[in-house]
Amino acid sequence: MRAWKAVGQAPRFIARGRGARLFDVDGNSYLDFVGSWGPLILGHAAPKIVAALRRSLADGTTFGAPTAGEVELAELVCRRFKSVEKLRLVSSGTEAAMSAVRLARAFTKRNKIVKFDGCYHGHADGLLVRAGSGPATLALPDSPGVPASFGAETIVAPFNNLAAVEAILDKYADSVAAVIVEPVCGNMGVIPPRPEFLPGLSEISRRHGALLIFDEVITGFRLGPEGAQGLYHVSPDLTCLGKILGGGLPLGAFGGRTEIMDLLAPEGPVYQAGTLSGNPLAVTAGLATLKELARRGVYRRLEEKGRKLQEGFEGVLKQYQVGGVVQRRGSMLTLFFGVDRVEDASDARRCDRDRFARFFHGMLSCGIYWPPSPFEAAFVSLAHTDGDLTKTLKAFEQWLREDVGG
């Protein structure tokens, strides 16, 4: 997506960010709804994050040894996520998902993984099968370099379809180690689960002896203090975190029940390590971010901002009788053109990509920086003001009026 292949032209090179704005190397300013693809829920260069990083930087950048900050961050996550009793810090969401899958295989002594068409869990070989986001944008369902034998251990189901999951687990009853899912999809556009979907996944997985892994790299701390699992009241066996967890610096984590996590080295035989895991700068930024998000009313404000943008887009679409749907949860949303609902990847792929490309460039010309792919979530931050949102909606109406007239 950074290459703008889905929308054409060359990408802007960014020089700096401040609050809700980005500034490119040519001096242009944009209202930013990418937010570094989700981490910057407080906005760019949030003063308290910058101040905390300056203090931490003076003490050093990395030690390759335990720090008190790692323990503090892990304890904070475990307090907020009831399903997470132990946590392991890593450096990215990809690493978190890869490690969680390895751990699930060791715990169940099974090999196969069930994932969902369009859900992206990083670029680990076994998970880069029918992934969303970049592969969907580039029309690459898989990637060269992934051995067929790796892909054979991954079974793909349609999102929001419990019957398909049930059929898969019935067929491979003793072979499936885990079901991994984005509880609210963000990598094929925002697609919320049907009310019965996540509880059903939990019940089916448990009945068949498979673990349920929630990839909350995007939704963790975005949809609430306990992520999507708190919003939907479903407890997975393992959880993957990233993005907001690191406050804009590279940091990921995976965690879950003690009996599963105790298989990790050094307590158990499942090896996982990383030179920069638990990097003190990333931990510092993460702690500062999560403490800000603990303030009263934060998620209510994010919900209000997201709802204003959604309702504004919907109103303009209706006014100009243009087909499309805005799908949102909290402060993450996607505008799909040419479809009236999106419940899975096949629905998303039917969207009007040409109109989206025109929309992207039209908004950019008005100083609005939207995700350059029809299969990505846009993110609202606490730094966005009502004036910013009003400006965005006016730009959208201006563009759509011209697009329909053209």
Protein backbone atom coordinates (compact mmCIF):
# COMPACT_ATOMS: atom_id res chain seq x y z
CA MET A 1 0.00 0.00 0.00
CA ARG A 2 2.87 2.39 0.62
CA ALA A 3 3.69 2.15 -3.10
CA TRP A 4 0.14 3.35 -4.01
CA LYS A 5 -0.27 0.53 -6.54
CA ALA A 6 -4.03 0.45 -5.99
CA VAL A 7 -4.52 4.14 -6.76
CA GLY A 8 -1.73 4.94 -9.23
CA GLN A 9 0.86 7.73 -9.21
CA ALA A 10 3.88 7.91 -6.94
CA PRO A 11 3.45 8.03 -3.16
CA ARG A 12 4.11 11.16 -1.15
CA PHE A 13 7.30 11.10 0.91
CA ILE A 14 6.59 12.29 4.43
CA ALA A 15 8.88 14.61 6.35
CA ARG A 16 7.08 14.96 9.67
CA GLY A 17 3.78 14.71 11.51
CA ARG A 18 2.14 16.77 14.20
CA GLY A 19 -1.24 16.10 15.78
CA ALA A 20 -3.66 15.03 13.07
CA ARG A 21 -1.47 16.36 10.25
CA LEU A 22 1.26 15.07 7.97
CA PHE A 23 3.75 17.21 6.07
CA ASP A 24 5.48 15.89 2.98
CA VAL A 25 8.96 16.73 1.69
CA ASP A 26 7.46 19.26 -0.72
CA GLY A 27 5.85 21.20 2.11
CA ASN A 28 2.25 20.03 1.55
CA SER A 29 0.04 19.49 4.60
CA TYR A 30 -2.61 16.77 4.95
CA LEU A 31 -5.19 15.68 7.48
CA ASP A 32 -4.06 12.13 8.19
CA PHE A 33 -6.51 9.22 8.45
CA VAL A 34 -3.83 6.54 8.06
CA GLY A 35 -2.15 7.10 11.42
CA SER A 36 0.79 4.87 10.43
CA TRP A 37 -1.83 2.16 9.74
CA GLY A 38 -3.32 2.33 13.22
CA PRO A 39 -0.78 2.92 16.01
CA LEU A 40 -1.13 6.69 16.32
CA ILE A 41 -4.37 6.85 18.24
CA LEU A 42 -3.07 9.95 20.08
CA GLY A 43 -1.89 11.62 16.85
CA HIS A 44 1.59 12.39 15.60
CA ALA A 45 4.31 13.48 18.01
CA ALA A 46 1.96 13.47 20.99
CA PRO A 47 3.71 15.66 23.59
CA LYS A 48 3.59 13.13 26.46
CA ILE A 49 4.95 10.35 24.23
CA VAL A 50 7.77 12.54 22.95
CA ALA A 51 8.68 13.67 26.49
CA ALA A 52 8.72 10.08 27.77
CA LEU A 53 10.90 8.96 24.87
CA ARG A 54 13.40 11.75 25.49
CA ARG A 55 13.80 10.67 29.09
CA SER A 56 14.18 7.02 28.11
CA LEU A 57 16.61 7.75 25.27
CA ALA A 58 19.01 9.39 27.67
CA ASP A 59 19.38 6.05 29.46
CA GLY A 60 20.13 4.02 26.34
CA THR A 61 18.37 2.43 23.38
CA THR A 62 18.62 -1.33 23.98
CA PHE A 63 20.24 -3.68 26.47
CA GLY A 64 19.44 -7.25 25.45
CA ALA A 65 18.43 -7.83 29.06
CA PRO A 66 15.24 -7.60 31.16
CA THR A 67 13.97 -4.16 32.18
CA ALA A 68 11.38 -3.03 34.72
CA GLY A 69 9.40 -1.37 31.92
CA GLU A 70 8.75 -4.73 30.24
CA VAL A 71 7.21 -6.08 33.42
CA GLU A 72 5.12 -2.95 33.96
CA LEU A 73 3.75 -3.08 30.41
CA ALA A 74 3.00 -6.80 30.63
CA GLU A 75 1.22 -6.38 33.94
CA LEU A 76 -0.85 -3.54 32.48
CA VAL A 77 -1.91 -5.67 29.49
CA CYS A 78 -2.75 -8.63 31.73
CA ARG A 79 -4.93 -6.42 33.94
CA ARG A 80 -6.89 -5.11 30.98
CA PHE A 81 -7.18 -8.29 28.90
CA LYS A 82 -8.84 -10.89 31.11
CA SER A 83 -7.89 -13.71 28.72
CA VAL A 84 -4.18 -12.88 28.97
CA GLU A 85 -2.55 -14.37 32.05
CA LYS A 86 1.01 -14.27 30.69
CA LEU A 87 2.54 -12.15 27.95
CA ARG A 88 5.61 -12.34 25.73
CA LEU A 89 6.87 -9.16 24.05
CA VAL A 90 8.15 -9.26 20.46
CA SER A 91 8.92 -6.62 17.84
CA SER A 92 6.00 -6.80 15.39
CA GLY A 93 2.51 -8.10 14.77
CA THR A 94 3.88 -10.57 12.24
CA GLU A 95 6.19 -12.02 14.88
CA ALA A 96 3.36 -12.19 17.41
CA ALA A 97 1.06 -14.16 15.09
CA MET A 98 3.84 -16.47 13.92
CA SER A 99 4.82 -17.24 17.52
CA ALA A 100 1.24 -17.74 18.68
CA VAL A 101 0.67 -20.29 15.91
CA ARG A 102 3.87 -22.16 16.83
CA LEU A 103 2.77 -22.23 20.46
CA ALA A 104 -0.71 -23.48 19.54
CA ARG A 105 0.78 -26.33 17.51
CA ALA A 106 3.03 -27.32 20.40
CA PHE A 107 0.18 -27.20 22.92
CA THR A 108 -2.29 -29.25 20.85
CA LYS A 109 0.31 -31.46 19.13
CA ARG A 110 -1.49 -30.75 15.86
CA ASN A 111 -0.32 -29.02 12.67
CA LYS A 112 -3.18 -27.44 10.73
CA ILE A 113 -4.36 -23.85 11.12
CA VAL A 114 -7.71 -22.40 10.08
CA LYS A 115 -7.66 -18.78 8.93
CA PHE A 116 -10.16 -16.62 7.10
CA ASP A 117 -10.14 -15.39 3.53
CA GLY A 118 -8.99 -11.76 3.56
CA CYS A 119 -7.64 -11.75 7.12
CA TYR A 120 -3.99 -10.73 7.30
CA HIS A 121 -1.77 -11.98 10.11
CA GLY A 122 1.60 -10.78 8.88
CA HIS A 123 3.88 -12.24 6.26
CA ALA A 124 4.94 -15.48 7.95
CA ASP A 125 4.96 -18.28 5.37
CA GLY A 126 2.17 -20.38 6.81
CA LEU A 127 -0.21 -17.43 7.18
CA LEU A 128 0.35 -15.72 3.84
CA VAL A 129 -2.50 -17.64 2.26
CA ARG A 130 -5.58 -15.76 0.98
CA ALA A 131 -4.44 -12.76 2.99
CA GLY A 132 -6.09 -9.38 2.73
CA SER A 133 -4.67 -5.89 2.48
CA GLY A 134 -1.54 -5.87 0.30
CA PRO A 135 -2.10 -9.20 -1.46
CA ALA A 136 -5.70 -8.21 -2.21
CA THR A 137 -4.63 -4.79 -3.46
CA LEU A 138 -2.03 -6.32 -5.77
CA ALA A 139 -4.26 -9.27 -6.77
CA LEU A 140 -1.71 -11.68 -5.25
CA PRO A 141 -3.64 -14.32 -3.30
CA ASP A 142 -0.37 -15.91 -2.16
CA SER A 143 3.33 -15.16 -2.44
CA PRO A 144 6.14 -16.78 -4.39
CA GLY A 145 8.70 -18.23 -2.04
CA VAL A 146 6.15 -19.94 0.18
CA PRO A 147 6.55 -23.72 -0.23
CA ALA A 148 3.38 -25.58 -1.15
CA SER A 149 3.91 -27.84 1.85
CA PHE A 150 3.61 -24.82 4.16
CA GLY A 151 0.36 -23.68 2.57
CA ALA A 152 -1.04 -27.20 2.83
CA GLU A 153 -1.17 -26.83 6.60
CA THR A 154 -3.40 -23.75 6.35
CA ILE A 155 -7.13 -24.13 5.69
CA VAL A 156 -9.08 -21.07 4.58
CA ALA A 157 -12.70 -20.34 5.50
CA PRO A 158 -14.97 -17.41 4.62
CA PHE A 159 -15.28 -14.81 7.39
CA ASN A 160 -18.63 -14.67 9.20
CA ASN A 161 -19.49 -18.24 8.13
CA LEU A 162 -19.77 -20.60 11.09
CA ALA A 163 -21.10 -23.47 9.00
CA ALA A 164 -17.90 -23.49 6.94
CA VAL A 165 -15.75 -23.56 10.09
CA GLU A 166 -17.81 -26.37 11.56
CA ALA A 167 -17.43 -28.39 8.35
CA ILE A 168 -13.66 -27.88 8.33
CA LEU A 169 -13.20 -28.92 11.94
CA ASP A 170 -15.44 -31.92 11.45
CA LYS A 171 -13.36 -33.02 8.47
CA TYR A 172 -9.98 -32.41 10.14
CA ALA A 173 -11.15 -33.26 13.64
CA ASP A 174 -7.79 -34.31 15.07
CA SER A 175 -5.52 -32.13 12.94
CA VAL A 176 -6.46 -28.49 13.59
CA ALA A 177 -4.28 -26.77 16.17
CA ALA A 178 -5.91 -23.36 16.09
CA VAL A 179 -8.39 -21.03 14.46
CA ILE A 180 -6.88 -17.55 13.99
CA VAL A 181 -9.06 -14.55 13.21
CA GLU A 182 -9.18 -10.78 13.21
CA PRO A 183 -12.22 -10.35 15.49
CA VAL A 184 -13.04 -7.19 13.56
CA CYS A 185 -11.43 -7.30 10.15
CA GLY A 186 -9.22 -4.38 9.21
CA ASN A 187 -7.15 -5.80 6.40
CA MET A 188 -9.87 -6.27 3.81
CA GLY A 189 -11.56 -3.13 4.96
CA VAL A 190 -13.49 -2.90 8.21
CA ILE A 191 -15.82 -5.90 8.46
CA PRO A 192 -17.48 -6.45 11.85
CA PRO A 193 -18.45 -9.97 12.92
CA ARG A 194 -22.05 -11.07 12.89
CA PRO A 195 -23.39 -11.28 16.47
CA GLU A 196 -23.13 -15.05 16.56
CA PHE A 197 -19.77 -15.38 14.81
CA LEU A 198 -17.17 -14.90 17.56
CA PRO A 199 -19.10 -16.79 20.27
CA GLY A 200 -19.65 -19.55 17.73
CA LEU A 201 -15.95 -19.72 16.89
CA SER A 202 -15.14 -20.05 20.57
CA GLU A 203 -17.64 -22.88 21.06
CA ILE A 204 -16.67 -24.79 17.90
CA SER A 205 -12.94 -24.49 18.58
CA ARG A 206 -13.28 -25.66 22.17
CA ARG A 207 -15.48 -28.59 21.20
CA HIS A 208 -12.92 -29.78 18.65
CA GLY A 209 -9.89 -29.28 20.90
CA ALA A 210 -8.45 -26.43 18.84
CA LEU A 211 -7.23 -23.13 20.27
CA LEU A 212 -8.84 -19.82 19.31
CA ILE A 213 -6.37 -17.02 18.50
CA PHE A 214 -7.56 -13.43 18.26
CA ASP A 215 -5.28 -11.26 16.14
CA GLU A 216 -5.88 -7.93 17.84
CA VAL A 217 -2.87 -6.19 16.35
CA ILE A 218 -5.26 -3.57 14.94
CA THR A 219 -8.18 -3.76 17.35
CA GLY A 220 -6.23 -4.09 20.60
CA PHE A 221 -6.67 -0.82 22.56
CA ARG A 222 -8.34 0.66 19.45
CA LEU A 223 -11.90 -0.53 20.15
CA GLY A 224 -11.63 -0.28 23.91
CA PRO A 225 -9.31 -1.03 26.85
CA GLU A 226 -9.81 -4.78 26.26
CA GLY A 227 -9.93 -4.62 22.49
CA ALA A 228 -12.54 -6.50 20.47
CA GLN A 229 -12.74 -9.34 22.99
CA GLY A 230 -13.98 -6.92 25.60
CA LEU A 231 -16.42 -5.36 23.18
CA TYR A 232 -17.88 -8.72 22.12
CA HIS A 233 -17.38 -10.56 25.45
CA VAL A 234 -15.49 -13.49 23.94
CA SER A 235 -12.27 -14.79 25.51
CA PRO A 236 -9.76 -16.42 23.11
CA ASP A 237 -7.04 -18.83 24.19
CA LEU A 238 -4.29 -16.64 22.73
CA THR A 239 -4.17 -12.97 21.77
CA CYS A 240 -1.81 -11.12 19.42
CA LEU A 241 -1.18 -7.41 19.98
CA GLY A 242 0.81 -4.69 18.24
CA LYS A 243 0.46 -1.20 16.75
CA ILE A 244 -1.06 0.88 19.61
CA LEU A 245 0.76 -1.32 22.12
CA GLY A 246 4.03 0.26 20.99
CA GLY A 247 2.78 3.83 20.81
CA GLY A 248 4.14 4.24 17.28
CA LEU A 249 7.38 2.30 17.82
CA PRO A 250 7.97 -1.33 16.75
CA LEU A 251 6.44 -3.58 19.39
CA GLY A 252 4.19 -6.61 19.41
CA ALA A 253 3.09 -9.20 21.94
CA PHE A 254 1.23 -12.45 22.30
CA GLY A 255 -0.29 -13.89 25.42
CA GLY A 256 -2.94 -16.14 26.88
CA ARG A 257 -3.60 -18.81 29.44
CA THR A 258 -0.75 -19.76 31.75
CA GLU A 259 -0.82 -23.45 30.83
CA ILE A 260 -0.24 -22.54 27.18
CA MET A 261 2.30 -19.77 27.72
CA ASP A 262 4.38 -21.93 30.07
CA LEU A 263 5.43 -24.00 27.06
CA LEU A 264 7.60 -21.07 25.94
CA ALA A 265 11.32 -21.15 26.64
CA PRO A 266 12.91 -20.81 29.10
CA GLU A 267 10.11 -22.45 31.13
CA GLY A 268 9.18 -24.85 28.33
CA PRO A 269 10.53 -26.32 25.08
CA VAL A 270 8.98 -23.91 22.51
CA TYR A 271 11.73 -21.56 21.42
CA GLN A 272 11.11 -17.88 20.67
CA ALA A 273 13.56 -15.01 20.93
CA GLY A 274 14.36 -11.61 19.47
CA THR A 275 17.31 -9.29 19.99
CA LEU A 276 15.14 -6.18 20.24
CA SER A 277 12.08 -7.75 21.88
CA GLY A 278 10.89 -5.53 24.71
CA ASN A 279 13.00 -2.65 23.42
CA PRO A 280 12.99 0.00 26.17
CA LEU A 281 12.07 2.87 23.84
CA ALA A 282 9.09 0.97 22.41
CA VAL A 283 8.02 -0.10 25.89
CA THR A 284 8.23 3.51 27.07
CA ALA A 285 6.06 4.76 24.20
CA GLY A 286 3.58 1.95 24.77
CA LEU A 287 3.24 2.62 28.47
CA ALA A 288 2.76 6.34 27.91
CA THR A 289 0.11 5.66 25.26
CA LEU A 290 -1.86 3.15 27.31
CA LYS A 291 -1.85 5.47 30.31
CA GLU A 292 -3.33 8.24 28.19
CA LEU A 293 -5.99 5.86 26.88
CA ALA A 294 -6.95 5.01 30.46
CA ARG A 295 -8.27 8.54 30.98
CA ARG A 296 -12.02 8.84 31.49
CA GLY A 297 -14.08 9.41 28.37
CA VAL A 298 -11.36 8.60 25.83
CA TYR A 299 -13.22 5.81 24.04
CA ARG A 300 -16.49 7.72 24.15
CA ARG A 301 -14.79 10.60 22.33
CA LEU A 302 -13.30 8.24 19.75
CA GLU A 303 -16.72 6.67 19.18
CA GLU A 304 -18.29 10.10 18.66
CA LYS A 305 -15.63 11.11 16.15
CA GLY A 306 -15.98 7.86 14.23
CA ARG A 307 -19.77 8.13 14.19
CA LYS A 308 -19.65 11.72 12.90
CA LEU A 309 -17.45 10.69 10.00
CA GLN A 310 -19.57 7.63 9.19
CA GLU A 311 -22.88 9.48 9.27
CA GLY A 312 -21.42 12.32 7.24
CA PHE A 313 -20.16 10.01 4.50
CA GLU A 314 -23.47 8.14 4.46
CA GLY A 315 -25.41 11.37 4.14
CA VAL A 316 -23.37 12.52 1.16
CA LEU A 317 -23.67 9.13 -0.58
CA LYS A 318 -27.44 9.26 -0.14
CA GLN A 319 -27.66 12.87 -1.30
CA TYR A 320 -25.94 12.10 -4.59
CA GLN A 321 -27.52 8.64 -4.93
CA VAL A 322 -24.17 6.88 -5.18
CA GLY A 323 -23.97 3.25 -4.15
CA GLY A 324 -21.70 2.46 -1.28
CA VAL A 325 -21.51 1.56 2.36
CA VAL A 326 -19.52 2.85 5.32
CA GLN A 327 -18.51 0.10 7.75
CA ARG A 328 -17.19 1.10 11.15
CA ARG A 329 -16.35 -0.03 14.62
CA GLY A 330 -15.28 2.71 16.98
CA SER A 331 -12.56 4.86 15.43
CA MET A 332 -11.81 2.57 12.44
CA LEU A 333 -13.87 2.64 9.26
CA THR A 334 -13.87 1.85 5.55
CA LEU A 335 -15.84 3.39 2.69
CA PHE A 336 -16.73 0.74 0.11
CA PHE A 337 -18.06 2.05 -3.20
CA GLY A 338 -20.48 0.07 -5.37
CA VAL A 339 -21.74 -2.39 -2.77
CA ASP A 340 -24.46 -2.15 -0.14
CA ARG A 341 -22.95 -4.51 2.42
CA VAL A 342 -19.64 -6.27 3.05
CA GLU A 343 -19.59 -9.35 5.28
CA ASP A 344 -16.59 -11.23 3.89
CA ALA A 345 -13.71 -11.00 1.43
CA SER A 346 -15.79 -11.93 -1.61
CA ASP A 347 -18.13 -9.01 -0.85
CA ALA A 348 -15.16 -6.67 -0.45
CA ARG A 349 -13.66 -7.71 -3.78
CA ARG A 350 -16.83 -6.58 -5.56
CA CYS A 351 -16.30 -2.96 -4.54
CA ASP A 352 -15.72 -0.27 -7.19
CA ARG A 353 -11.92 0.09 -7.19
CA ASP A 354 -11.86 2.68 -9.96
CA ARG A 355 -14.15 5.03 -8.08
CA PHE A 356 -12.10 4.47 -4.93
CA ALA A 357 -8.92 5.53 -6.79
CA ARG A 358 -10.67 8.71 -7.97
CA PHE A 359 -11.91 9.31 -4.42
CA PHE A 360 -8.41 8.90 -3.00
CA HIS A 361 -6.84 11.44 -5.36
CA GLY A 362 -9.76 13.82 -5.04
CA MET A 363 -9.44 13.84 -1.27
CA LEU A 364 -5.66 14.16 -1.51
CA SER A 365 -6.04 17.27 -3.67
CA CYS A 366 -8.14 18.73 -0.84
CA GLY A 367 -5.47 17.94 1.74
CA ILE A 368 -7.01 14.71 3.08
CA TYR A 369 -4.63 11.73 3.38
CA TRP A 370 -6.78 8.59 3.18
CA PRO A 371 -5.47 4.99 3.09
CA PRO A 372 -4.37 4.34 -0.54
CA SER A 373 -6.23 1.03 -0.84
CA PRO A 374 -9.92 0.10 -0.88
CA PHE A 375 -9.09 -2.79 1.46
CA GLU A 376 -7.68 -0.81 4.37
CA ALA A 377 -9.19 0.80 7.44
CA ALA A 378 -9.05 4.51 8.00
CA PHE A 379 -8.33 5.59 11.56
CA VAL A 380 -9.59 8.53 13.57
CA SER A 381 -7.32 9.76 16.35
CA LEU A 382 -7.86 11.80 19.48
CA ALA A 383 -5.96 14.58 17.71
CA HIS A 384 -8.69 15.00 15.07
CA THR A 385 -10.94 17.94 15.93
CA ASP A 386 -14.57 18.47 14.95
CA GLY A 387 -13.27 21.05 12.49
CA ASP A 388 -11.00 18.45 10.91
CA LEU A 389 -13.91 16.06 10.48
CA THR A 390 -16.13 18.79 9.04
CA LYS A 391 -13.41 19.73 6.56
CA THR A 392 -13.09 16.10 5.52
CA LEU A 393 -16.81 15.74 4.90
CA LYS A 394 -16.93 18.95 2.89
CA ALA A 395 -14.05 17.70 0.76
CA PHE A 396 -15.89 14.43 0.21
CA GLU A 397 -19.06 16.20 -0.89
CA GLN A 398 -17.12 18.46 -3.24
CA TRP A 399 -15.33 15.49 -4.82
CA LEU A 400 -18.45 13.35 -5.17
CA ARG A 401 -20.44 16.18 -6.71
CA GLU A 402 -17.73 16.61 -9.32
CA ASP A 403 -17.32 12.86 -9.84
CA VAL A 404 -21.05 12.34 -10.41
CA GLY A 405 -21.22 15.38 -12.66
CA GLY A 406 -18.24 14.14 -14.67
